[in-house]
Amino acid sequence: MMPLNLADIGQRQIIKRIGGKPEVKKHLENLGFNVGGEVSVLSSFGGNLIVKVKESRVAVSDELARKIMV
């Protein structure tokens, strides 16, 4: 298991755990990040990530990406 910010670009990953405070977990859930869901990193720029989740592209900060374990 590793944080999303360390995942290889272009590889599909399964979300295993989401950490952080309840409000952070809720925010990520609202963006489509759910345990068991599929996610892939499309690009990384300055530590921030563009990820594909549920057929959508979402920008995620490095801080949030560290809370998503794949």
Protein backbone atom coordinates (compact mmCIF):
# COMPACT_ATOMS: atom_id res chain seq x y z
CA MET A 1 0.00 0.00 0.00
CA MET A 2 1.29 3.48 -0.90
CA PRO A 3 -0.08 7.03 -1.11
CA LEU A 4 -1.56 8.08 -4.44
CA ASN A 5 1.14 10.71 -4.99
CA LEU A 6 3.71 7.88 -5.36
CA ALA A 7 1.67 5.87 -7.89
CA ASP A 8 2.98 5.50 -11.44
CA ILE A 9 1.40 7.73 -14.07
CA GLY A 10 -1.06 5.89 -16.30
CA GLN A 11 -1.45 2.79 -14.13
CA ARG A 12 -4.87 1.90 -12.75
CA GLN A 13 -4.94 1.61 -8.98
CA ILE A 14 -7.56 0.45 -6.48
CA ILE A 15 -8.21 2.71 -3.48
CA LYS A 16 -7.55 0.70 -0.31
CA ARG A 17 -7.91 3.35 2.39
CA ILE A 18 -8.65 7.03 2.80
CA GLY A 19 -7.13 8.79 5.77
CA GLY A 20 -7.59 12.18 7.37
CA LYS A 21 -10.23 13.94 9.40
CA PRO A 22 -13.92 13.15 8.76
CA GLU A 23 -14.41 16.36 6.77
CA VAL A 24 -11.44 15.49 4.52
CA LYS A 25 -12.80 11.98 3.95
CA LYS A 26 -16.22 13.44 3.09
CA HIS A 27 -14.67 15.92 0.65
CA LEU A 28 -12.75 13.15 -1.13
CA GLU A 29 -15.88 10.98 -1.19
CA ASN A 30 -17.79 13.84 -2.83
CA LEU A 31 -15.07 14.01 -5.50
CA GLY A 32 -15.59 10.31 -6.23
CA PHE A 33 -12.79 8.73 -4.20
CA ASN A 34 -14.23 5.66 -2.46
CA VAL A 35 -12.54 2.60 -0.98
CA GLY A 36 -12.55 -0.13 -3.60
CA GLY A 37 -12.87 2.40 -6.42
CA GLU A 38 -10.51 2.65 -9.35
CA VAL A 39 -8.25 5.65 -9.89
CA SER A 40 -5.35 6.46 -12.20
CA VAL A 41 -2.89 9.33 -12.18
CA LEU A 42 -2.93 11.16 -15.53
CA SER A 43 -0.25 13.74 -14.79
CA SER A 44 1.75 15.35 -12.03
CA PHE A 45 2.80 19.00 -11.95
CA GLY A 46 4.48 20.71 -9.03
CA GLY A 47 3.33 17.97 -6.66
CA ASN A 48 -0.32 18.35 -7.64
CA LEU A 49 -2.00 15.52 -9.52
CA ILE A 50 -4.60 15.21 -12.25
CA VAL A 51 -6.37 11.91 -11.67
CA LYS A 52 -9.10 9.99 -13.44
CA VAL A 53 -11.81 8.80 -11.09
CA LYS A 54 -15.27 7.59 -12.17
CA GLU A 55 -14.77 8.76 -15.78
CA SER A 56 -13.93 12.29 -14.58
CA ARG A 57 -10.68 14.19 -14.31
CA VAL A 58 -10.02 15.73 -10.92
CA ALA A 59 -7.15 17.92 -9.71
CA VAL A 60 -5.86 16.85 -6.30
CA SER A 61 -3.26 18.60 -4.17
CA ASP A 62 -0.22 16.72 -2.95
CA GLU A 63 -1.57 16.97 0.61
CA LEU A 64 -4.86 15.25 -0.34
CA ALA A 65 -3.11 12.68 -2.55
CA ARG A 66 -1.08 11.56 0.49
CA LYS A 67 -4.31 10.65 2.29
CA ILE A 68 -5.49 8.31 -0.50
CA MET A 69 -3.81 4.92 -0.13
CA VAL A 70 -3.70 2.59 -3.14
